[in-house]
């Protein structure tokens, strides 16, 4: 009896794993590129471009108030090719959503950016953008005194 139950649990687990793997969404390269463009616009101070990407659910005043703080966290650095570390695509009764998590790896830190998209009409808009920075080494210095 014990072995039969154990076998049934193992079979169910195997089938569940197969179904789970078969239903995983695929990363969306076009939206990933949009997220990278948003990050680039943020770093280079293109606030109007950033604001134009945002969902109608966001307050333009609130967006503009937060951009300097986000830019300060990232720093004035060249835009690197991000590494996609996670993504999720969801269709629900509330709409269609796509979330991509990208890491920008610098010599002294990693900027973790999460961009949340929502489908509005025929296009995608950003309804959330989060940045966290993890320091990995001491910041580079401008030069040394002799």
N, C-alpha and C. Protein backbone atom coordinates (compact mmCIF):
# COMPACT_ATOMS: atom_id res chain seq x y z
N UNK A 1 0.82 -1.18 0.00
CA UNK A 1 0.00 0.00 0.00
C UNK A 1 0.87 1.26 0.00
N UNK A 2 1.89 1.26 0.86
CA UNK A 2 2.79 2.41 0.94
C UNK A 2 3.50 2.64 -0.38
N UNK A 3 4.00 1.57 -1.01
CA UNK A 3 4.70 1.70 -2.28
C UNK A 3 3.77 2.19 -3.38
N UNK A 4 2.52 1.74 -3.36
CA UNK A 4 1.56 2.17 -4.38
C UNK A 4 1.29 3.67 -4.24
N UNK A 5 1.13 4.15 -3.01
CA UNK A 5 0.91 5.58 -2.77
C UNK A 5 2.12 6.39 -3.19
N UNK A 6 3.31 5.90 -2.83
CA UNK A 6 4.55 6.57 -3.19
C UNK A 6 4.68 6.65 -4.71
N UNK A 7 4.35 5.57 -5.41
CA UNK A 7 4.40 5.55 -6.88
C UNK A 7 3.42 6.53 -7.48
N UNK A 8 2.22 6.63 -6.93
CA UNK A 8 1.21 7.57 -7.44
C UNK A 8 1.68 9.01 -7.24
N UNK A 9 2.28 9.31 -6.09
CA UNK A 9 2.78 10.66 -5.82
C UNK A 9 3.92 10.99 -6.79
N UNK A 10 4.81 10.04 -7.02
CA UNK A 10 5.92 10.27 -7.95
C UNK A 10 5.41 10.50 -9.36
N UNK A 11 4.42 9.73 -9.79
CA UNK A 11 3.86 9.90 -11.13
C UNK A 11 3.16 11.25 -11.26
N UNK A 12 2.41 11.64 -10.25
CA UNK A 12 1.72 12.93 -10.28
C UNK A 12 2.73 14.07 -10.30
N UNK A 13 3.80 13.96 -9.53
CA UNK A 13 4.83 14.99 -9.51
C UNK A 13 5.50 15.12 -10.87
N UNK A 14 5.78 13.99 -11.50
CA UNK A 14 6.41 14.00 -12.81
C UNK A 14 5.49 14.65 -13.84
N UNK A 15 4.21 14.29 -13.83
CA UNK A 15 3.27 14.88 -14.76
C UNK A 15 3.09 16.37 -14.51
N UNK A 16 3.04 16.77 -13.26
CA UNK A 16 2.90 18.19 -12.93
C UNK A 16 4.11 18.97 -13.42
N UNK A 17 5.30 18.42 -13.25
CA UNK A 17 6.51 19.07 -13.71
C UNK A 17 6.51 19.22 -15.23
N UNK A 18 6.05 18.22 -15.95
CA UNK A 18 5.98 18.31 -17.40
C UNK A 18 5.01 19.39 -17.84
N UNK A 19 3.87 19.45 -17.20
CA UNK A 19 2.87 20.46 -17.54
C UNK A 19 3.41 21.85 -17.23
N UNK A 20 4.07 22.02 -16.10
CA UNK A 20 4.62 23.31 -15.71
C UNK A 20 5.63 23.77 -16.75
N UNK A 21 6.55 22.91 -17.14
CA UNK A 21 7.57 23.28 -18.11
C UNK A 21 6.97 23.60 -19.47
N UNK A 22 5.91 22.93 -19.84
CA UNK A 22 5.30 23.15 -21.14
C UNK A 22 4.58 24.49 -21.20
N UNK A 23 4.22 25.05 -20.06
CA UNK A 23 3.44 26.28 -20.05
C UNK A 23 4.25 27.53 -19.72
N UNK A 24 5.55 27.42 -19.61
CA UNK A 24 6.35 28.60 -19.29
C UNK A 24 6.28 29.61 -20.43
N UNK A 25 6.09 30.90 -20.10
CA UNK A 25 6.07 31.92 -21.15
C UNK A 25 7.48 32.15 -21.68
N UNK A 26 7.56 32.74 -22.84
CA UNK A 26 8.85 33.07 -23.44
C UNK A 26 9.15 34.55 -23.16
N UNK A 27 10.42 34.83 -23.06
CA UNK A 27 10.85 36.21 -22.90
C UNK A 27 10.48 36.98 -24.16
N UNK A 28 10.15 38.25 -24.03
CA UNK A 28 9.77 39.09 -25.16
C UNK A 28 10.92 40.04 -25.50
N UNK A 29 11.71 39.73 -26.53
CA UNK A 29 12.87 40.57 -26.87
C UNK A 29 12.51 42.03 -27.16
N UNK A 30 11.35 42.27 -27.78
CA UNK A 30 10.96 43.65 -28.10
C UNK A 30 10.70 44.45 -26.82
N UNK A 31 10.01 43.85 -25.86
CA UNK A 31 9.75 44.56 -24.60
C UNK A 31 11.02 44.67 -23.76
N UNK A 32 11.89 43.67 -23.85
CA UNK A 32 13.17 43.76 -23.15
C UNK A 32 13.97 44.95 -23.69
N UNK A 33 13.92 45.15 -25.02
CA UNK A 33 14.62 46.29 -25.63
C UNK A 33 13.98 47.61 -25.20
N UNK A 34 12.66 47.63 -25.05
CA UNK A 34 11.97 48.83 -24.55
C UNK A 34 12.43 49.15 -23.14
N UNK A 35 12.59 48.12 -22.32
CA UNK A 35 13.05 48.32 -20.94
C UNK A 35 14.47 48.88 -20.93
N UNK A 36 15.33 48.38 -21.82
CA UNK A 36 16.69 48.90 -21.91
C UNK A 36 16.68 50.35 -22.36
N UNK A 37 15.82 50.68 -23.33
CA UNK A 37 15.73 52.06 -23.81
C UNK A 37 15.27 52.99 -22.68
N UNK A 38 14.32 52.54 -21.88
CA UNK A 38 13.84 53.33 -20.74
C UNK A 38 14.98 53.59 -19.76
N UNK A 39 15.77 52.56 -19.46
CA UNK A 39 16.91 52.70 -18.55
C UNK A 39 17.90 53.72 -19.12
N UNK A 40 18.17 53.64 -20.40
CA UNK A 40 19.09 54.56 -21.07
C UNK A 40 18.58 55.99 -20.99
N UNK A 41 17.29 56.18 -21.25
CA UNK A 41 16.70 57.51 -21.17
C UNK A 41 16.76 58.07 -19.75
N UNK A 42 16.57 57.21 -18.77
CA UNK A 42 16.66 57.63 -17.38
C UNK A 42 18.07 58.11 -17.07
N UNK A 43 19.07 57.31 -17.42
CA UNK A 43 20.46 57.64 -17.11
C UNK A 43 20.90 58.92 -17.81
N UNK A 44 20.48 59.12 -19.05
CA UNK A 44 20.92 60.28 -19.82
C UNK A 44 20.06 61.52 -19.62
N UNK A 45 19.10 61.46 -18.67
CA UNK A 45 18.31 62.64 -18.32
C UNK A 45 17.22 63.01 -19.31
N UNK A 46 16.75 62.06 -20.09
CA UNK A 46 15.68 62.33 -21.06
C UNK A 46 14.31 62.12 -20.39
N UNK A 47 13.99 63.01 -19.47
CA UNK A 47 12.78 62.86 -18.66
C UNK A 47 11.50 62.85 -19.50
N UNK A 48 11.44 63.66 -20.55
CA UNK A 48 10.25 63.66 -21.40
C UNK A 48 10.05 62.31 -22.07
N UNK A 49 11.14 61.70 -22.53
CA UNK A 49 11.05 60.38 -23.17
C UNK A 49 10.59 59.33 -22.16
N UNK A 50 11.12 59.40 -20.94
CA UNK A 50 10.71 58.45 -19.90
C UNK A 50 9.21 58.63 -19.62
N UNK A 51 8.78 59.85 -19.44
CA UNK A 51 7.37 60.13 -19.13
C UNK A 51 6.45 59.65 -20.26
N UNK A 52 6.91 59.75 -21.50
CA UNK A 52 6.06 59.34 -22.63
C UNK A 52 5.86 57.83 -22.68
N UNK A 53 6.72 57.07 -22.05
CA UNK A 53 6.59 55.61 -22.04
C UNK A 53 5.63 55.11 -20.96
N UNK A 54 5.27 55.98 -20.05
CA UNK A 54 4.50 55.56 -18.88
C UNK A 54 3.02 55.39 -19.19
N UNK A 55 2.40 54.50 -18.45
CA UNK A 55 0.98 54.21 -18.55
C UNK A 55 0.16 55.43 -18.14
N UNK A 56 -1.04 55.50 -18.67
CA UNK A 56 -1.95 56.59 -18.31
C UNK A 56 -2.37 56.51 -16.84
N UNK A 57 -2.14 55.39 -16.20
CA UNK A 57 -2.48 55.24 -14.78
C UNK A 57 -1.50 55.98 -13.87
N UNK A 58 -0.36 56.41 -14.42
CA UNK A 58 0.66 57.10 -13.64
C UNK A 58 0.49 58.61 -13.72
N UNK A 59 0.78 59.29 -12.63
CA UNK A 59 0.74 60.74 -12.57
C UNK A 59 2.05 61.29 -13.14
N UNK A 60 1.98 62.13 -14.18
CA UNK A 60 3.20 62.71 -14.74
C UNK A 60 4.03 63.47 -13.69
N UNK A 61 3.37 64.15 -12.77
CA UNK A 61 4.09 64.90 -11.72
C UNK A 61 4.84 63.94 -10.80
N UNK A 62 4.21 62.84 -10.43
CA UNK A 62 4.86 61.86 -9.56
C UNK A 62 6.05 61.21 -10.27
N UNK A 63 5.89 60.94 -11.55
CA UNK A 63 6.99 60.35 -12.33
C UNK A 63 8.19 61.29 -12.31
N UNK A 64 7.96 62.53 -12.70
CA UNK A 64 9.06 63.49 -12.80
C UNK A 64 9.73 63.75 -11.45
N UNK A 65 8.98 63.68 -10.37
CA UNK A 65 9.55 63.90 -9.03
C UNK A 65 10.49 62.76 -8.63
N UNK A 66 10.27 61.56 -9.14
CA UNK A 66 11.07 60.40 -8.74
C UNK A 66 12.30 60.18 -9.63
N UNK A 67 12.31 60.72 -10.83
CA UNK A 67 13.41 60.45 -11.76
C UNK A 67 14.78 60.89 -11.24
N UNK A 68 14.93 62.08 -10.63
CA UNK A 68 16.26 62.46 -10.14
C UNK A 68 16.81 61.48 -9.09
N UNK A 69 15.94 60.99 -8.21
CA UNK A 69 16.38 60.03 -7.19
C UNK A 69 16.88 58.74 -7.84
N UNK A 70 16.12 58.23 -8.82
CA UNK A 70 16.53 57.00 -9.51
C UNK A 70 17.85 57.22 -10.25
N UNK A 71 17.95 58.35 -10.93
CA UNK A 71 19.17 58.66 -11.69
C UNK A 71 20.37 58.76 -10.76
N UNK A 72 20.18 59.33 -9.57
CA UNK A 72 21.25 59.45 -8.60
C UNK A 72 21.74 58.08 -8.13
N UNK A 73 20.83 57.13 -7.99
CA UNK A 73 21.21 55.78 -7.57
C UNK A 73 22.06 55.09 -8.63
N UNK A 74 21.71 55.31 -9.89
CA UNK A 74 22.41 54.64 -10.99
C UNK A 74 23.75 55.30 -11.27
N UNK A 75 23.78 56.61 -11.21
CA UNK A 75 25.00 57.34 -11.50
C UNK A 75 25.09 57.70 -12.97
N UNK A 76 26.07 58.51 -13.29
CA UNK A 76 26.30 58.95 -14.67
C UNK A 76 27.27 57.96 -15.31
N UNK A 77 26.74 56.91 -15.83
CA UNK A 77 27.56 55.81 -16.34
C UNK A 77 27.15 55.47 -17.76
N UNK A 78 28.04 54.85 -18.50
CA UNK A 78 27.65 54.40 -19.85
C UNK A 78 26.60 53.29 -19.74
N UNK A 79 25.78 53.20 -20.75
CA UNK A 79 24.75 52.16 -20.77
C UNK A 79 25.38 50.87 -21.24
N UNK A 80 25.22 49.85 -20.44
CA UNK A 80 25.74 48.54 -20.76
C UNK A 80 24.65 47.66 -21.33
N UNK A 81 25.03 46.55 -21.89
CA UNK A 81 24.04 45.56 -22.34
C UNK A 81 23.52 44.84 -21.10
N UNK A 82 22.22 44.88 -20.86
CA UNK A 82 21.71 44.24 -19.64
C UNK A 82 21.65 42.73 -19.78
N UNK A 83 21.66 42.09 -18.63
CA UNK A 83 21.46 40.65 -18.55
C UNK A 83 20.03 40.44 -18.03
N UNK A 84 19.20 39.76 -18.84
CA UNK A 84 17.84 39.47 -18.40
C UNK A 84 17.93 38.35 -17.36
N UNK A 85 17.47 38.64 -16.14
CA UNK A 85 17.55 37.67 -15.06
C UNK A 85 16.19 37.12 -14.67
N UNK A 86 15.13 37.67 -15.25
CA UNK A 86 13.80 37.16 -14.97
C UNK A 86 12.76 37.87 -15.82
N UNK A 87 11.67 37.20 -16.06
CA UNK A 87 10.56 37.80 -16.78
C UNK A 87 9.29 37.03 -16.45
N UNK A 88 8.17 37.70 -16.66
CA UNK A 88 6.88 37.06 -16.41
C UNK A 88 5.87 37.70 -17.35
N UNK A 89 5.06 36.88 -17.97
CA UNK A 89 3.98 37.34 -18.83
C UNK A 89 2.67 36.83 -18.25
N UNK A 90 1.71 37.74 -18.06
CA UNK A 90 0.45 37.37 -17.42
C UNK A 90 -0.71 37.94 -18.23
N UNK A 91 -1.71 37.12 -18.44
CA UNK A 91 -2.98 37.57 -18.98
C UNK A 91 -4.03 37.24 -17.95
N UNK A 92 -4.78 38.26 -17.54
CA UNK A 92 -5.80 38.06 -16.51
C UNK A 92 -7.04 38.87 -16.85
N UNK A 93 -8.01 38.81 -15.99
CA UNK A 93 -9.22 39.61 -16.20
C UNK A 93 -8.93 41.10 -16.06
N UNK A 94 -7.79 41.45 -15.49
CA UNK A 94 -7.38 42.85 -15.36
C UNK A 94 -6.55 43.34 -16.53
N UNK A 95 -6.21 42.46 -17.48
CA UNK A 95 -5.44 42.87 -18.64
C UNK A 95 -4.24 41.98 -18.89
N UNK A 96 -3.36 42.48 -19.77
CA UNK A 96 -2.12 41.77 -20.10
C UNK A 96 -0.95 42.53 -19.52
N UNK A 97 -0.01 41.78 -18.94
CA UNK A 97 1.12 42.37 -18.26
C UNK A 97 2.39 41.62 -18.62
N UNK A 98 3.50 42.34 -18.62
CA UNK A 98 4.81 41.72 -18.84
C UNK A 98 5.79 42.41 -17.90
N UNK A 99 6.58 41.63 -17.19
CA UNK A 99 7.58 42.16 -16.26
C UNK A 99 8.92 41.58 -16.67
N UNK A 100 9.93 42.45 -16.78
CA UNK A 100 11.29 41.98 -17.07
C UNK A 100 12.23 42.55 -16.02
N UNK A 101 13.11 41.69 -15.54
CA UNK A 101 14.15 42.08 -14.59
C UNK A 101 15.48 42.00 -15.31
N UNK A 102 16.21 43.12 -15.31
CA UNK A 102 17.49 43.20 -16.01
C UNK A 102 18.56 43.70 -15.05
N UNK A 103 19.74 43.12 -15.16
CA UNK A 103 20.88 43.57 -14.37
C UNK A 103 21.89 44.26 -15.28
N UNK A 104 22.35 45.42 -14.85
CA UNK A 104 23.40 46.17 -15.53
C UNK A 104 24.63 46.06 -14.63
N UNK A 105 25.63 45.33 -15.08
CA UNK A 105 26.77 44.97 -14.23
C UNK A 105 27.93 45.92 -14.52
N UNK A 106 28.25 46.78 -13.52
CA UNK A 106 29.34 47.73 -13.60
C UNK A 106 30.49 47.21 -12.74
N UNK A 107 31.69 47.77 -12.89
CA UNK A 107 32.82 47.28 -12.09
C UNK A 107 32.61 47.35 -10.59
N UNK A 108 31.87 48.37 -10.11
CA UNK A 108 31.71 48.55 -8.67
C UNK A 108 30.29 48.33 -8.15
N UNK A 109 29.34 48.00 -9.05
CA UNK A 109 27.96 47.83 -8.61
C UNK A 109 27.14 47.11 -9.67
N UNK A 110 25.99 46.67 -9.24
CA UNK A 110 25.02 46.08 -10.17
C UNK A 110 23.72 46.86 -10.00
N UNK A 111 23.23 47.40 -11.10
CA UNK A 111 21.93 48.09 -11.08
C UNK A 111 20.89 47.07 -11.51
N UNK A 112 19.97 46.76 -10.60
CA UNK A 112 18.89 45.82 -10.87
C UNK A 112 17.66 46.65 -11.26
N UNK A 113 17.20 46.47 -12.49
CA UNK A 113 16.05 47.24 -12.97
C UNK A 113 14.90 46.28 -13.26
N UNK A 114 13.74 46.62 -12.75
CA UNK A 114 12.53 45.85 -13.04
C UNK A 114 11.55 46.78 -13.73
N UNK A 115 11.13 46.40 -14.93
CA UNK A 115 10.20 47.19 -15.71
C UNK A 115 8.90 46.42 -15.85
N UNK A 116 7.80 47.04 -15.44
CA UNK A 116 6.47 46.43 -15.49
C UNK A 116 5.66 47.08 -16.60
N UNK A 117 5.27 46.29 -17.57
CA UNK A 117 4.50 46.77 -18.71
C UNK A 117 3.04 46.36 -18.57
N UNK A 118 2.15 47.18 -19.15
CA UNK A 118 0.74 46.86 -19.25
C UNK A 118 0.32 47.14 -20.69
N UNK A 119 -0.53 46.30 -21.21
CA UNK A 119 -1.04 46.49 -22.57
C UNK A 119 -2.14 47.54 -22.51
N UNK A 120 -1.95 48.63 -23.26
CA UNK A 120 -2.94 49.70 -23.37
C UNK A 120 -3.28 49.87 -24.84
N UNK A 121 -4.49 49.50 -25.21
CA UNK A 121 -4.87 49.55 -26.62
C UNK A 121 -4.05 48.56 -27.41
N UNK A 122 -3.40 49.03 -28.46
CA UNK A 122 -2.57 48.15 -29.29
C UNK A 122 -1.11 48.12 -28.85
N UNK A 123 -0.73 48.98 -27.91
CA UNK A 123 0.67 49.07 -27.51
C UNK A 123 0.89 48.73 -26.05
N UNK A 124 2.16 48.73 -25.67
CA UNK A 124 2.56 48.46 -24.29
C UNK A 124 3.06 49.75 -23.67
N UNK A 125 2.69 49.97 -22.42
CA UNK A 125 3.15 51.12 -21.65
C UNK A 125 3.76 50.64 -20.34
N UNK A 126 4.61 51.45 -19.75
CA UNK A 126 5.25 51.12 -18.48
C UNK A 126 4.35 51.62 -17.36
N UNK A 127 3.97 50.71 -16.47
CA UNK A 127 3.18 51.15 -15.31
C UNK A 127 4.00 51.11 -14.04
N UNK A 128 5.19 50.56 -14.09
CA UNK A 128 6.07 50.56 -12.93
C UNK A 128 7.51 50.35 -13.36
N UNK A 129 8.42 51.04 -12.68
CA UNK A 129 9.84 50.92 -12.96
C UNK A 129 10.58 51.04 -11.64
N UNK A 130 11.33 50.01 -11.29
CA UNK A 130 12.04 49.99 -10.02
C UNK A 130 13.52 49.77 -10.28
N UNK A 131 14.36 50.46 -9.52
CA UNK A 131 15.80 50.30 -9.61
C UNK A 131 16.35 50.10 -8.21
N UNK A 132 17.19 49.09 -8.05
CA UNK A 132 17.95 48.86 -6.83
C UNK A 132 19.39 48.68 -7.23
N UNK A 133 20.30 49.17 -6.42
CA UNK A 133 21.72 49.07 -6.73
C UNK A 133 22.41 48.32 -5.61
N UNK A 134 23.21 47.34 -5.99
CA UNK A 134 24.03 46.58 -5.06
C UNK A 134 25.49 46.93 -5.32
N UNK A 135 26.16 47.47 -4.31
CA UNK A 135 27.58 47.78 -4.45
C UNK A 135 28.37 46.47 -4.36
N UNK A 136 29.32 46.30 -5.28
CA UNK A 136 30.13 45.08 -5.30
C UNK A 136 31.60 45.36 -5.00
N UNK A 137 32.00 46.65 -5.02
CA UNK A 137 33.37 47.04 -4.72
C UNK A 137 33.36 48.52 -4.35
N UNK A 138 34.48 49.02 -3.92
CA UNK A 138 34.58 50.45 -3.63
C UNK A 138 34.43 51.23 -4.93
N UNK A 139 33.74 52.37 -4.88
CA UNK A 139 33.61 53.19 -6.09
C UNK A 139 34.96 53.59 -6.65
N UNK A 140 35.05 53.69 -7.96
CA UNK A 140 36.28 54.10 -8.61
C UNK A 140 36.59 55.55 -8.23
N UNK A 141 37.86 55.88 -8.08
CA UNK A 141 38.26 57.24 -7.73
C UNK A 141 38.68 57.98 -8.99
N UNK A 142 38.61 59.31 -8.95
CA UNK A 142 38.94 60.12 -10.12
C UNK A 142 40.43 60.13 -10.38
N UNK A 143 41.24 59.90 -9.42
CA UNK A 143 42.70 59.91 -9.60
C UNK A 143 43.38 59.79 -8.25
N UNK A 144 44.65 59.63 -8.26
CA UNK A 144 45.37 59.53 -7.01
C UNK A 144 46.32 60.70 -6.87
N UNK A 145 46.52 61.17 -5.66
CA UNK A 145 47.45 62.28 -5.40
C UNK A 145 48.86 61.73 -5.28
N UNK A 146 49.81 62.50 -5.78
CA UNK A 146 51.21 62.07 -5.69
C UNK A 146 52.03 62.98 -4.85
